[in-house]
Amino acid sequence: MAAPRSCDLWRFCGRGWWRATGHCRLPGCRRSWPWATLGTRSLSQEKRAAETHFGFETVSEGEKGSKVYQVFENVAKKYDLMNDMMSLGIHRAWKDLLIRKMHPLPGTQLLDMAGGTGDIAFRFLSYVQAQHQRRQRRQLRTQQNLSWEEIAKKYQNEEDSLGGSLATVCDINREMLKVGKQKALDQGHTAGLAWVLGDAEELPFDDNSFDVYTIAFGIRNVTHIDQALQEAHRVLKPGGRFLCLEFGQVNDPLISRLYDLYSFQVIPVIGEVIAGDWKSYQYLVESIRKFPNQEDFKDMIEDAGFQRVTYENLTTGIVAIHSGFKL
């Protein structure tokens, strides 16, 4: 295997501190000067007073963040098993479709947001490595004068087996990242990975840093979805792609009733039996119902500045892939 790729996490952390001290790149954000204390306090009080939803429960915006964090801290160790149980394994096919729609080439720089367990990142690395190997084979076929020793040396040199690609996994939850890192070791993914603790609403990365931004089943847990979309747009390079895999609202009445029955009557019970946690999975089900429908979410992506936004329904609308470009 290739040697682990170095990741300057101090650079990420330093940038996060730089932002925290007032140098924010978000649109409309200003440094807080001493004479702006009164206005800042008023905005802070207004933010604390703002309400949002936590599943079907109404909570303050500040409270939602801590509640969502607790949910994923609780489910982290059983997350993969529960995904298999809840979707009957179909979530794996959905994620494979996301990667095929992305079709990354060697050298692609990926940011996988809310991807703590590594499912998208690992698929990305495997896909890119396969593409890189195909390129190598095509090059070797055009170089018929190489000796067997030279051919063997080319195949054995794995130092750049990803063609310069890097998958940066960013998640706000430490437990999810911990699970992902262990999975990477277990599955032999040692190259082309970086793990960063970060908030989707205020990413600790420079502008124009990534070729692709993915988020799979995570954006509905963000308090301010519009702000997360703006941040996704900011960190993508011109021509970069946004890809989101998320549950949608089912339009077929019969399928919708069956879906509701399974979601509210079966999934929380599975959560209690497998993970000993009924409430967390009840929230996850409810959060799906509170998420905007496919067309409304498409409009939100366009409002964030993305162009050529489309969505593709999977399994009769239960899940959809949204995609757009930063032009």
C-alpha atoms as a PDB file:
ATOM      1  CA  MET A   1       0.000   0.000   0.000  1.00  0.00           C
ATOM      2  CA  ALA A   2       1.061   3.582  -0.504  1.00  0.00           C
ATOM      3  CA  ALA A   3       2.449   5.583   2.363  1.00  0.00           C
ATOM      4  CA  PRO A   4      -0.132   7.692   4.198  1.00  0.00           C
ATOM      5  CA  ARG A   5      -0.665  11.078   2.600  1.00  0.00           C
ATOM      6  CA  SER A   6       0.223  13.916   4.943  1.00  0.00           C
ATOM      7  CA  CYS A   7      -2.516  16.361   5.912  1.00  0.00           C
ATOM      8  CA  ASP A   8      -1.699  19.704   7.465  1.00  0.00           C
ATOM      9  CA  LEU A   9      -4.399  19.645  10.129  1.00  0.00           C
ATOM     10  CA  TRP A  10      -2.706  22.502  11.960  1.00  0.00           C
ATOM     11  CA  ARG A  11      -3.407  24.596   8.881  1.00  0.00           C
ATOM     12  CA  PHE A  12      -7.111  23.722   9.114  1.00  0.00           C
ATOM     13  CA  CYS A  13      -7.216  24.390  12.830  1.00  0.00           C
ATOM     14  CA  GLY A  14      -5.361  27.652  12.438  1.00  0.00           C
ATOM     15  CA  ARG A  15      -7.790  28.812   9.806  1.00  0.00           C
ATOM     16  CA  GLY A  16     -10.719  27.934  12.042  1.00  0.00           C
ATOM     17  CA  TRP A  17      -9.188  30.086  14.834  1.00  0.00           C
ATOM     18  CA  TRP A  18      -8.524  32.859  12.329  1.00  0.00           C
ATOM     19  CA  ARG A  19     -12.208  32.860  11.465  1.00  0.00           C
ATOM     20  CA  ALA A  20     -13.283  32.716  15.071  1.00  0.00           C
ATOM     21  CA  THR A  21     -11.357  35.931  15.772  1.00  0.00           C
ATOM     22  CA  GLY A  22     -13.333  37.870  13.221  1.00  0.00           C
ATOM     23  CA  HIS A  23     -11.801  37.327   9.770  1.00  0.00           C
ATOM     24  CA  CYS A  24     -14.813  35.506   8.339  1.00  0.00           C
ATOM     25  CA  ARG A  25     -15.173  34.909   4.602  1.00  0.00           C
ATOM     26  CA  LEU A  26     -18.926  34.379   4.661  1.00  0.00           C
ATOM     27  CA  PRO A  27     -20.900  36.935   2.625  1.00  0.00           C
ATOM     28  CA  GLY A  28     -21.931  39.907   4.730  1.00  0.00           C
ATOM     29  CA  CYS A  29     -19.778  38.959   7.717  1.00  0.00           C
ATOM     30  CA  ARG A  30     -17.820  41.815   9.319  1.00  0.00           C
ATOM     31  CA  ARG A  31     -15.158  42.094  11.981  1.00  0.00           C
ATOM     32  CA  SER A  32     -16.721  42.879  15.386  1.00  0.00           C
ATOM     33  CA  TRP A  33     -15.223  46.224  16.427  1.00  0.00           C
ATOM     34  CA  PRO A  34     -15.686  47.547  19.994  1.00  0.00           C
ATOM     35  CA  TRP A  35     -18.196  50.182  18.876  1.00  0.00           C
ATOM     36  CA  ALA A  36     -20.335  47.439  17.293  1.00  0.00           C
ATOM     37  CA  THR A  37     -20.943  45.682  20.635  1.00  0.00           C
ATOM     38  CA  LEU A  38     -24.558  46.758  20.954  1.00  0.00           C
ATOM     39  CA  GLY A  39     -25.475  45.586  17.450  1.00  0.00           C
ATOM     40  CA  THR A  40     -23.634  42.323  17.966  1.00  0.00           C
ATOM     41  CA  ARG A  41     -25.460  41.689  21.227  1.00  0.00           C
ATOM     42  CA  SER A  42     -28.826  42.328  19.567  1.00  0.00           C
ATOM     43  CA  LEU A  43     -28.014  39.932  16.760  1.00  0.00           C
ATOM     44  CA  SER A  44     -26.868  37.338  19.280  1.00  0.00           C
ATOM     45  CA  GLN A  45     -30.089  37.648  21.264  1.00  0.00           C
ATOM     46  CA  GLU A  46     -32.133  37.389  18.084  1.00  0.00           C
ATOM     47  CA  LYS A  47     -30.255  34.238  17.050  1.00  0.00           C
ATOM     48  CA  ARG A  48     -30.836  32.612  20.441  1.00  0.00           C
ATOM     49  CA  ALA A  49     -34.515  33.449  20.191  1.00  0.00           C
ATOM     50  CA  ALA A  50     -34.855  31.977  16.681  1.00  0.00           C
ATOM     51  CA  GLU A  51     -36.628  28.650  16.537  1.00  0.00           C
ATOM     52  CA  THR A  52     -36.239  25.679  14.239  1.00  0.00           C
ATOM     53  CA  HIS A  53     -37.257  22.042  14.170  1.00  0.00           C
ATOM     54  CA  PHE A  54     -35.620  18.995  15.689  1.00  0.00           C
ATOM     55  CA  GLY A  55     -37.672  16.319  13.992  1.00  0.00           C
ATOM     56  CA  PHE A  56     -41.256  17.216  14.869  1.00  0.00           C
ATOM     57  CA  GLU A  57     -40.158  19.119  17.975  1.00  0.00           C
ATOM     58  CA  THR A  58     -39.727  22.920  17.964  1.00  0.00           C
ATOM     59  CA  VAL A  59     -36.455  24.012  19.573  1.00  0.00           C
ATOM     60  CA  SER A  60     -34.141  27.015  19.541  1.00  0.00           C
ATOM     61  CA  GLU A  61     -31.480  27.065  16.841  1.00  0.00           C
ATOM     62  CA  GLY A  62     -28.739  26.784  19.440  1.00  0.00           C
ATOM     63  CA  GLU A  63     -30.435  23.795  21.041  1.00  0.00           C
ATOM     64  CA  LYS A  64     -30.804  21.935  17.751  1.00  0.00           C
ATOM     65  CA  GLY A  65     -27.058  21.776  17.173  1.00  0.00           C
ATOM     66  CA  SER A  66     -26.384  20.097  20.506  1.00  0.00           C
ATOM     67  CA  LYS A  67     -29.317  17.701  20.087  1.00  0.00           C
ATOM     68  CA  VAL A  68     -28.197  16.605  16.620  1.00  0.00           C
ATOM     69  CA  TYR A  69     -24.636  16.165  17.909  1.00  0.00           C
ATOM     70  CA  GLN A  70     -25.927  13.916  20.693  1.00  0.00           C
ATOM     71  CA  VAL A  71     -27.944  11.818  18.224  1.00  0.00           C
ATOM     72  CA  PHE A  72     -24.928  11.022  16.081  1.00  0.00           C
ATOM     73  CA  GLU A  73     -22.674  10.511  19.067  1.00  0.00           C
ATOM     74  CA  ASN A  74     -25.189   7.901  20.249  1.00  0.00           C
ATOM     75  CA  VAL A  75     -25.546   6.101  16.915  1.00  0.00           C
ATOM     76  CA  ALA A  76     -21.925   6.300  15.648  1.00  0.00           C
ATOM     77  CA  LYS A  77     -20.829   2.797  16.636  1.00  0.00           C
ATOM     78  CA  LYS A  78     -23.940   1.144  15.177  1.00  0.00           C
ATOM     79  CA  TYR A  79     -24.348   3.546  12.271  1.00  0.00           C
ATOM     80  CA  ASP A  80     -23.336   1.177   9.456  1.00  0.00           C
ATOM     81  CA  LEU A  81     -25.268  -1.776  10.860  1.00  0.00           C
ATOM     82  CA  MET A  82     -28.385   0.337  11.319  1.00  0.00           C
ATOM     83  CA  ASN A  83     -28.102   1.705   7.768  1.00  0.00           C
ATOM     84  CA  ASP A  84     -28.103  -1.865   6.469  1.00  0.00           C
ATOM     85  CA  MET A  85     -31.037  -2.826   8.659  1.00  0.00           C
ATOM     86  CA  MET A  86     -33.121   0.273   7.865  1.00  0.00           C
ATOM     87  CA  SER A  87     -32.587   0.237   4.102  1.00  0.00           C
ATOM     88  CA  LEU A  88     -32.165  -3.539   3.662  1.00  0.00           C
ATOM     89  CA  GLY A  89     -28.709  -2.745   2.301  1.00  0.00           C
ATOM     90  CA  ILE A  90     -30.007  -0.513  -0.502  1.00  0.00           C
ATOM     91  CA  HIS A  91     -28.066   2.506   0.851  1.00  0.00           C
ATOM     92  CA  ARG A  92     -24.929   0.880  -0.572  1.00  0.00           C
ATOM     93  CA  ALA A  93     -26.394   0.937  -4.088  1.00  0.00           C
ATOM     94  CA  TRP A  94     -27.477   4.569  -3.632  1.00  0.00           C
ATOM     95  CA  LYS A  95     -23.929   5.554  -2.671  1.00  0.00           C
ATOM     96  CA  ASP A  96     -22.481   3.596  -5.598  1.00  0.00           C
ATOM     97  CA  LEU A  97     -24.815   5.532  -7.914  1.00  0.00           C
ATOM     98  CA  LEU A  98     -23.597   8.796  -6.421  1.00  0.00           C
ATOM     99  CA  ILE A  99     -19.984   7.906  -7.225  1.00  0.00           C
ATOM    100  CA  ARG A 100     -20.849   6.804 -10.753  1.00  0.00           C
ATOM    101  CA  LYS A 101     -22.704  10.072 -11.319  1.00  0.00           C
ATOM    102  CA  MET A 102     -19.633  11.934 -10.036  1.00  0.00           C
ATOM    103  CA  HIS A 103     -17.283   9.889 -12.272  1.00  0.00           C
ATOM    104  CA  PRO A 104     -14.116  11.279 -10.616  1.00  0.00           C
ATOM    105  CA  LEU A 105     -10.821  11.157 -12.472  1.00  0.00           C
ATOM    106  CA  PRO A 106      -7.320  10.845 -10.987  1.00  0.00           C
ATOM    107  CA  GLY A 107      -6.314  14.125  -9.408  1.00  0.00           C
ATOM    108  CA  THR A 108      -9.824  15.030  -8.218  1.00  0.00           C
ATOM    109  CA  GLN A 109      -9.947  16.842  -4.873  1.00  0.00           C
ATOM    110  CA  LEU A 110     -13.064  15.763  -2.954  1.00  0.00           C
ATOM    111  CA  LEU A 111     -14.676  17.268   0.128  1.00  0.00           C
ATOM    112  CA  ASP A 112     -17.138  14.816   1.676  1.00  0.00           C
ATOM    113  CA  MET A 113     -19.169  16.749   4.242  1.00  0.00           C
ATOM    114  CA  ALA A 114     -20.905  14.943   7.115  1.00  0.00           C
ATOM    115  CA  GLY A 115     -19.084  11.858   5.885  1.00  0.00           C
ATOM    116  CA  GLY A 116     -17.622  10.714   9.187  1.00  0.00           C
ATOM    117  CA  THR A 117     -17.899   6.972   8.597  1.00  0.00           C
ATOM    118  CA  GLY A 118     -16.097   7.263   5.260  1.00  0.00           C
ATOM    119  CA  ASP A 119     -18.596   5.491   2.989  1.00  0.00           C
ATOM    120  CA  ILE A 120     -18.404   8.051   0.180  1.00  0.00           C
ATOM    121  CA  ALA A 121     -14.672   8.709   0.581  1.00  0.00           C
ATOM    122  CA  PHE A 122     -13.747   5.021   0.400  1.00  0.00           C
ATOM    123  CA  ARG A 123     -15.861   4.509  -2.716  1.00  0.00           C
ATOM    124  CA  PHE A 124     -14.301   7.607  -4.255  1.00  0.00           C
ATOM    125  CA  LEU A 125     -10.757   6.346  -3.628  1.00  0.00           C
ATOM    126  CA  SER A 126     -11.518   2.889  -5.050  1.00  0.00           C
ATOM    127  CA  TYR A 127     -13.113   4.408  -8.151  1.00  0.00           C
ATOM    128  CA  VAL A 128     -10.243   6.834  -8.748  1.00  0.00           C
ATOM    129  CA  GLN A 129      -7.662   4.104  -8.241  1.00  0.00           C
ATOM    130  CA  ALA A 130      -9.424   1.920 -10.813  1.00  0.00           C
ATOM    131  CA  GLN A 131      -9.455   4.850 -13.270  1.00  0.00           C
ATOM    132  CA  HIS A 132      -5.756   5.463 -12.644  1.00  0.00           C
ATOM    133  CA  GLN A 133      -4.919   1.797 -13.266  1.00  0.00           C
ATOM    134  CA  ARG A 134      -6.862   1.851 -16.547  1.00  0.00           C
ATOM    135  CA  ARG A 135      -4.825   4.858 -17.641  1.00  0.00           C
ATOM    136  CA  GLN A 136      -1.613   3.065 -16.759  1.00  0.00           C
ATOM    137  CA  ARG A 137      -2.624  -0.014 -18.750  1.00  0.00           C
ATOM    138  CA  ARG A 138      -3.458   2.132 -21.780  1.00  0.00           C
ATOM    139  CA  GLN A 139      -0.080   3.846 -21.525  1.00  0.00           C
ATOM    140  CA  LEU A 140       1.714   0.521 -21.233  1.00  0.00           C
ATOM    141  CA  ARG A 141      -0.028  -0.794 -24.341  1.00  0.00           C
ATOM    142  CA  THR A 142       1.354   2.170 -26.282  1.00  0.00           C
ATOM    143  CA  GLN A 143       4.887   1.506 -25.010  1.00  0.00           C
ATOM    144  CA  GLN A 144       5.590  -1.897 -26.505  1.00  0.00           C
ATOM    145  CA  ASN A 145       9.362  -1.472 -26.244  1.00  0.00           C
ATOM    146  CA  LEU A 146       9.379  -1.601 -22.426  1.00  0.00           C
ATOM    147  CA  SER A 147      11.084  -4.540 -20.772  1.00  0.00           C
ATOM    148  CA  TRP A 148       9.225  -6.802 -18.315  1.00  0.00           C
ATOM    149  CA  GLU A 149      11.281  -5.268 -15.515  1.00  0.00           C
ATOM    150  CA  GLU A 150      10.157  -1.770 -16.467  1.00  0.00           C
ATOM    151  CA  ILE A 151       6.514  -2.851 -16.715  1.00  0.00           C
ATOM    152  CA  ALA A 152       6.665  -4.578 -13.327  1.00  0.00           C
ATOM    153  CA  LYS A 153       8.268  -1.498 -11.792  1.00  0.00           C
ATOM    154  CA  LYS A 154       5.449   0.711 -13.079  1.00  0.00           C
ATOM    155  CA  TYR A 155       2.805  -1.572 -11.535  1.00  0.00           C
ATOM    156  CA  GLN A 156       4.649  -1.871  -8.228  1.00  0.00           C
ATOM    157  CA  ASN A 157       5.045   1.882  -7.800  1.00  0.00           C
ATOM    158  CA  GLU A 158       1.966   2.723  -5.711  1.00  0.00           C
ATOM    159  CA  GLU A 159       3.224   6.048  -4.378  1.00  0.00           C
ATOM    160  CA  ASP A 160       0.838   7.897  -6.677  1.00  0.00           C
ATOM    161  CA  SER A 161      -1.758   5.186  -7.246  1.00  0.00           C
ATOM    162  CA  LEU A 162      -4.529   7.805  -6.959  1.00  0.00           C
ATOM    163  CA  GLY A 163      -3.054  10.200  -9.482  1.00  0.00           C
ATOM    164  CA  GLY A 164      -2.893  12.967  -6.878  1.00  0.00           C
ATOM    165  CA  SER A 165      -6.488  12.615  -5.644  1.00  0.00           C
ATOM    166  CA  LEU A 166      -7.392  13.441  -2.057  1.00  0.00           C
ATOM    167  CA  ALA A 167     -10.642  12.770  -0.194  1.00  0.00           C
ATOM    168  CA  THR A 168     -11.134  15.156   2.715  1.00  0.00           C
ATOM    169  CA  VAL A 169     -13.751  13.846   5.135  1.00  0.00           C
ATOM    170  CA  CYS A 170     -15.263  16.622   7.216  1.00  0.00           C
ATOM    171  CA  ASP A 171     -17.725  16.028  10.036  1.00  0.00           C
ATOM    172  CA  ILE A 172     -18.849  18.013  13.053  1.00  0.00           C
ATOM    173  CA  ASN A 173     -19.041  14.897  15.229  1.00  0.00           C
ATOM    174  CA  ARG A 174     -15.849  13.453  16.759  1.00  0.00           C
ATOM    175  CA  GLU A 175     -17.370  10.013  17.334  1.00  0.00           C
ATOM    176  CA  MET A 176     -18.363   9.655  13.685  1.00  0.00           C
ATOM    177  CA  LEU A 177     -14.846  10.601  12.592  1.00  0.00           C
ATOM    178  CA  LYS A 178     -13.406   8.112  15.043  1.00  0.00           C
ATOM    179  CA  VAL A 179     -15.520   5.325  13.532  1.00  0.00           C
ATOM    180  CA  GLY A 180     -14.473   6.368  10.024  1.00  0.00           C
ATOM    181  CA  LYS A 181     -10.767   6.348  10.841  1.00  0.00           C
ATOM    182  CA  GLN A 182     -11.020   2.846  12.287  1.00  0.00           C
ATOM    183  CA  LYS A 183     -12.898   1.645   9.193  1.00  0.00           C
ATOM    184  CA  ALA A 184     -10.172   3.124   6.987  1.00  0.00           C
ATOM    185  CA  LEU A 185      -7.552   1.096   8.828  1.00  0.00           C
ATOM    186  CA  ASP A 186      -9.662  -2.065   8.726  1.00  0.00           C
ATOM    187  CA  GLN A 187     -10.289  -1.723   4.979  1.00  0.00           C
ATOM    188  CA  GLY A 188      -6.698  -0.797   4.119  1.00  0.00           C
ATOM    189  CA  HIS A 189      -7.311   2.817   3.068  1.00  0.00           C
ATOM    190  CA  THR A 190      -4.092   4.510   4.108  1.00  0.00           C
ATOM    191  CA  ALA A 191      -3.452   6.939   1.241  1.00  0.00           C
ATOM    192  CA  GLY A 192      -5.420   9.869  -0.111  1.00  0.00           C
ATOM    193  CA  LEU A 193      -7.455  10.571   3.030  1.00  0.00           C
ATOM    194  CA  ALA A 194      -7.697  13.535   5.376  1.00  0.00           C
ATOM    195  CA  TRP A 195     -10.018  13.780   8.395  1.00  0.00           C
ATOM    196  CA  VAL A 196     -11.171  17.217   9.549  1.00  0.00           C
ATOM    197  CA  LEU A 197     -13.500  18.252  12.359  1.00  0.00           C
ATOM    198  CA  GLY A 198     -15.658  21.029  10.948  1.00  0.00           C
ATOM    199  CA  ASP A 199     -19.075  22.646  10.674  1.00  0.00           C
ATOM    200  CA  ALA A 200     -20.935  22.627   7.337  1.00  0.00           C
ATOM    201  CA  GLU A 201     -22.127  26.171   8.031  1.00  0.00           C
ATOM    202  CA  GLU A 202     -18.579  27.528   8.465  1.00  0.00           C
ATOM    203  CA  LEU A 203     -16.059  25.338   6.699  1.00  0.00           C
ATOM    204  CA  PRO A 204     -12.380  25.609   7.730  1.00  0.00           C
ATOM    205  CA  PHE A 205     -11.121  25.646   4.126  1.00  0.00           C
ATOM    206  CA  ASP A 206      -9.963  28.282   1.650  1.00  0.00           C
ATOM    207  CA  ASP A 207     -12.111  29.491  -1.226  1.00  0.00           C
ATOM    208  CA  ASN A 208     -11.856  27.480  -4.459  1.00  0.00           C
ATOM    209  CA  SER A 209     -10.215  24.447  -2.824  1.00  0.00           C
ATOM    210  CA  PHE A 210     -12.129  21.410  -4.108  1.00  0.00           C
ATOM    211  CA  ASP A 211     -13.297  19.901  -7.382  1.00  0.00           C
ATOM    212  CA  VAL A 212     -16.268  18.073  -5.859  1.00  0.00           C
ATOM    213  CA  TYR A 213     -18.366  18.570  -2.712  1.00  0.00           C
ATOM    214  CA  THR A 214     -20.544  15.659  -1.571  1.00  0.00           C
ATOM    215  CA  ILE A 215     -22.965  15.292   1.302  1.00  0.00           C
ATOM    216  CA  ALA A 216     -24.929  12.067   1.755  1.00  0.00           C
ATOM    217  CA  PHE A 217     -27.867  11.950   4.176  1.00  0.00           C
ATOM    218  CA  GLY A 218     -26.423  14.796   6.198  1.00  0.00           C
ATOM    219  CA  ILE A 219     -27.706  18.140   5.004  1.00  0.00           C
ATOM    220  CA  ARG A 220     -31.144  17.724   6.578  1.00  0.00           C
ATOM    221  CA  ASN A 221     -29.459  17.789   9.998  1.00  0.00           C
ATOM    222  CA  VAL A 222     -27.903  21.219   9.395  1.00  0.00           C
ATOM    223  CA  THR A 223     -29.627  24.101  11.186  1.00  0.00           C
ATOM    224  CA  HIS A 224     -29.176  26.616   8.354  1.00  0.00           C
ATOM    225  CA  ILE A 225     -29.241  24.643   5.103  1.00  0.00           C
ATOM    226  CA  ASP A 226     -28.952  27.784   2.985  1.00  0.00           C
ATOM    227  CA  GLN A 227     -25.735  28.758   4.763  1.00  0.00           C
ATOM    228  CA  ALA A 228     -24.270  25.257   4.292  1.00  0.00           C
ATOM    229  CA  LEU A 229     -25.039  25.482   0.561  1.00  0.00           C
ATOM    230  CA  GLN A 230     -23.321  28.870   0.331  1.00  0.00           C
ATOM    231  CA  GLU A 231     -20.259  27.418   2.043  1.00  0.00           C
ATOM    232  CA  ALA A 232     -20.263  24.484  -0.378  1.00  0.00           C
ATOM    233  CA  HIS A 233     -20.306  26.965  -3.252  1.00  0.00           C
ATOM    234  CA  ARG A 234     -17.479  29.007  -1.707  1.00  0.00           C
ATOM    235  CA  VAL A 235     -15.008  26.147  -1.247  1.00  0.00           C
ATOM    236  CA  LEU A 236     -15.577  24.659  -4.704  1.00  0.00           C
ATOM    237  CA  LYS A 237     -13.325  25.661  -7.581  1.00  0.00           C
ATOM    238  CA  PRO A 238     -14.899  27.279 -10.649  1.00  0.00           C
ATOM    239  CA  GLY A 239     -16.425  24.385 -12.574  1.00  0.00           C
ATOM    240  CA  GLY A 240     -16.619  22.332  -9.383  1.00  0.00           C
ATOM    241  CA  ARG A 241     -19.565  20.055  -8.684  1.00  0.00           C
ATOM    242  CA  PHE A 242     -21.997  19.808  -5.788  1.00  0.00           C
ATOM    243  CA  LEU A 243     -23.572  16.376  -5.231  1.00  0.00           C
ATOM    244  CA  CYS A 244     -26.126  15.670  -2.516  1.00  0.00           C
ATOM    245  CA  LEU A 245     -27.742  12.325  -1.738  1.00  0.00           C
ATOM    246  CA  GLU A 246     -30.801  12.816   0.431  1.00  0.00           C
ATOM    247  CA  PHE A 247     -34.250  11.486   1.193  1.00  0.00           C
ATOM    248  CA  GLY A 248     -37.143  13.075  -0.662  1.00  0.00           C
ATOM    249  CA  GLN A 249     -40.889  13.240  -0.360  1.00  0.00           C
ATOM    250  CA  VAL A 250     -42.761  10.390  -2.006  1.00  0.00           C
ATOM    251  CA  ASN A 251     -45.615  11.436  -4.274  1.00  0.00           C
ATOM    252  CA  ASP A 252     -47.219   8.054  -4.909  1.00  0.00           C
ATOM    253  CA  PRO A 253     -49.982   7.677  -2.234  1.00  0.00           C
ATOM    254  CA  LEU A 254     -49.640   3.917  -1.817  1.00  0.00           C
ATOM    255  CA  ILE A 255     -45.847   3.943  -1.573  1.00  0.00           C
ATOM    256  CA  SER A 256     -46.053   6.961   0.732  1.00  0.00           C
ATOM    257  CA  ARG A 257     -48.327   5.101   3.174  1.00  0.00           C
ATOM    258  CA  LEU A 258     -46.096   2.033   3.164  1.00  0.00           C
ATOM    259  CA  TYR A 259     -43.039   4.255   3.603  1.00  0.00           C
ATOM    260  CA  ASP A 260     -44.607   6.027   6.588  1.00  0.00           C
ATOM    261  CA  LEU A 261     -45.624   2.735   8.161  1.00  0.00           C
ATOM    262  CA  TYR A 262     -42.116   1.332   7.855  1.00  0.00           C
ATOM    263  CA  SER A 263     -40.460   4.574   8.967  1.00  0.00           C
ATOM    264  CA  PHE A 264     -42.514   5.267  12.084  1.00  0.00           C
ATOM    265  CA  GLN A 265     -43.446   1.763  13.192  1.00  0.00           C
ATOM    266  CA  VAL A 266     -40.410  -0.329  12.235  1.00  0.00           C
ATOM    267  CA  ILE A 267     -37.251   1.812  12.156  1.00  0.00           C
ATOM    268  CA  PRO A 268     -37.453   3.094  15.773  1.00  0.00           C
ATOM    269  CA  VAL A 269     -38.065  -0.482  16.955  1.00  0.00           C
ATOM    270  CA  ILE A 270     -34.990  -1.662  15.031  1.00  0.00           C
ATOM    271  CA  GLY A 271     -33.051   1.177  16.638  1.00  0.00           C
ATOM    272  CA  GLU A 272     -34.109   0.051  20.087  1.00  0.00           C
ATOM    273  CA  VAL A 273     -33.312  -3.629  19.430  1.00  0.00           C
ATOM    274  CA  ILE A 274     -29.979  -3.145  17.600  1.00  0.00           C
ATOM    275  CA  ALA A 275     -28.609   0.051  19.104  1.00  0.00           C
ATOM    276  CA  GLY A 276     -30.632   0.371  22.307  1.00  0.00           C
ATOM    277  CA  ASP A 277     -31.719   3.829  21.175  1.00  0.00           C
ATOM    278  CA  TRP A 278     -35.303   4.439  20.121  1.00  0.00           C
ATOM    279  CA  LYS A 279     -35.301   8.241  20.357  1.00  0.00           C
ATOM    280  CA  SER A 280     -32.352   8.859  18.033  1.00  0.00           C
ATOM    281  CA  TYR A 281     -33.902   6.849  15.233  1.00  0.00           C
ATOM    282  CA  GLN A 282     -37.275   8.438  15.818  1.00  0.00           C
ATOM    283  CA  TYR A 283     -35.580  11.795  15.232  1.00  0.00           C
ATOM    284  CA  LEU A 284     -33.871  10.552  12.054  1.00  0.00           C
ATOM    285  CA  VAL A 285     -37.231   9.462  10.649  1.00  0.00           C
ATOM    286  CA  GLU A 286     -38.878  12.740  11.584  1.00  0.00           C
ATOM    287  CA  SER A 287     -36.011  14.779  10.114  1.00  0.00           C
ATOM    288  CA  ILE A 288     -36.680  13.164   6.727  1.00  0.00           C
ATOM    289  CA  ARG A 289     -40.291  14.371   6.802  1.00  0.00           C
ATOM    290  CA  LYS A 290     -39.221  17.925   7.671  1.00  0.00           C
ATOM    291  CA  PHE A 291     -36.744  18.145   4.793  1.00  0.00           C
ATOM    292  CA  PRO A 292     -37.892  20.173   1.730  1.00  0.00           C
ATOM    293  CA  ASN A 293     -39.244  18.308  -1.269  1.00  0.00           C
ATOM    294  CA  GLN A 294     -37.065  17.765  -4.331  1.00  0.00           C
ATOM    295  CA  GLU A 295     -38.157  20.875  -6.226  1.00  0.00           C
ATOM    296  CA  ASP A 296     -37.864  23.203  -3.224  1.00  0.00           C
ATOM    297  CA  PHE A 297     -34.414  21.883  -2.393  1.00  0.00           C
ATOM    298  CA  LYS A 298     -33.392  22.348  -6.038  1.00  0.00           C
ATOM    299  CA  ASP A 299     -34.437  25.999  -5.721  1.00  0.00           C
ATOM    300  CA  MET A 300     -32.324  26.371  -2.560  1.00  0.00           C
ATOM    301  CA  ILE A 301     -29.261  25.019  -4.379  1.00  0.00           C
ATOM    302  CA  GLU A 302     -29.801  27.485  -7.213  1.00  0.00           C
ATOM    303  CA  ASP A 303     -30.217  30.345  -4.719  1.00  0.00           C
ATOM    304  CA  ALA A 304     -26.765  29.476  -3.336  1.00  0.00           C
ATOM    305  CA  GLY A 305     -25.263  30.253  -6.747  1.00  0.00           C
ATOM    306  CA  PHE A 306     -25.082  26.836  -8.403  1.00  0.00           C
ATOM    307  CA  GLN A 307     -25.924  26.475 -12.083  1.00  0.00           C
ATOM    308  CA  ARG A 308     -27.425  23.629 -14.129  1.00  0.00           C
ATOM    309  CA  VAL A 309     -28.983  22.113 -11.007  1.00  0.00           C
ATOM    310  CA  THR A 310     -30.778  18.818 -11.517  1.00  0.00           C
ATOM    311  CA  TYR A 311     -32.099  16.016  -9.382  1.00  0.00           C
ATOM    312  CA  GLU A 312     -32.557  12.336 -10.088  1.00  0.00           C
ATOM    313  CA  ASN A 313     -35.138  10.378  -8.125  1.00  0.00           C
ATOM    314  CA  LEU A 314     -34.091   6.935  -6.963  1.00  0.00           C
ATOM    315  CA  THR A 315     -36.452   4.191  -5.769  1.00  0.00           C
ATOM    316  CA  THR A 316     -39.686   6.054  -6.623  1.00  0.00           C
ATOM    317  CA  GLY A 317     -38.631   9.290  -4.996  1.00  0.00           C
ATOM    318  CA  ILE A 318     -37.630   7.967  -1.583  1.00  0.00           C
ATOM    319  CA  VAL A 319     -34.066   9.104  -2.303  1.00  0.00           C
ATOM    320  CA  ALA A 320     -32.824  11.718  -4.761  1.00  0.00           C
ATOM    321  CA  ILE A 321     -29.413  12.816  -6.048  1.00  0.00           C
ATOM    322  CA  HIS A 322     -29.165  16.594  -6.494  1.00  0.00           C
ATOM    323  CA  SER A 323     -26.257  18.011  -8.453  1.00  0.00           C
ATOM    324  CA  GLY A 324     -25.077  21.414  -9.642  1.00  0.00           C
ATOM    325  CA  PHE A 325     -22.019  23.256 -10.912  1.00  0.00           C
ATOM    326  CA  LYS A 326     -20.148  26.325  -9.733  1.00  0.00           C
ATOM    327  CA  LEU A 327     -19.667  28.174 -13.000  1.00  0.00           C
END
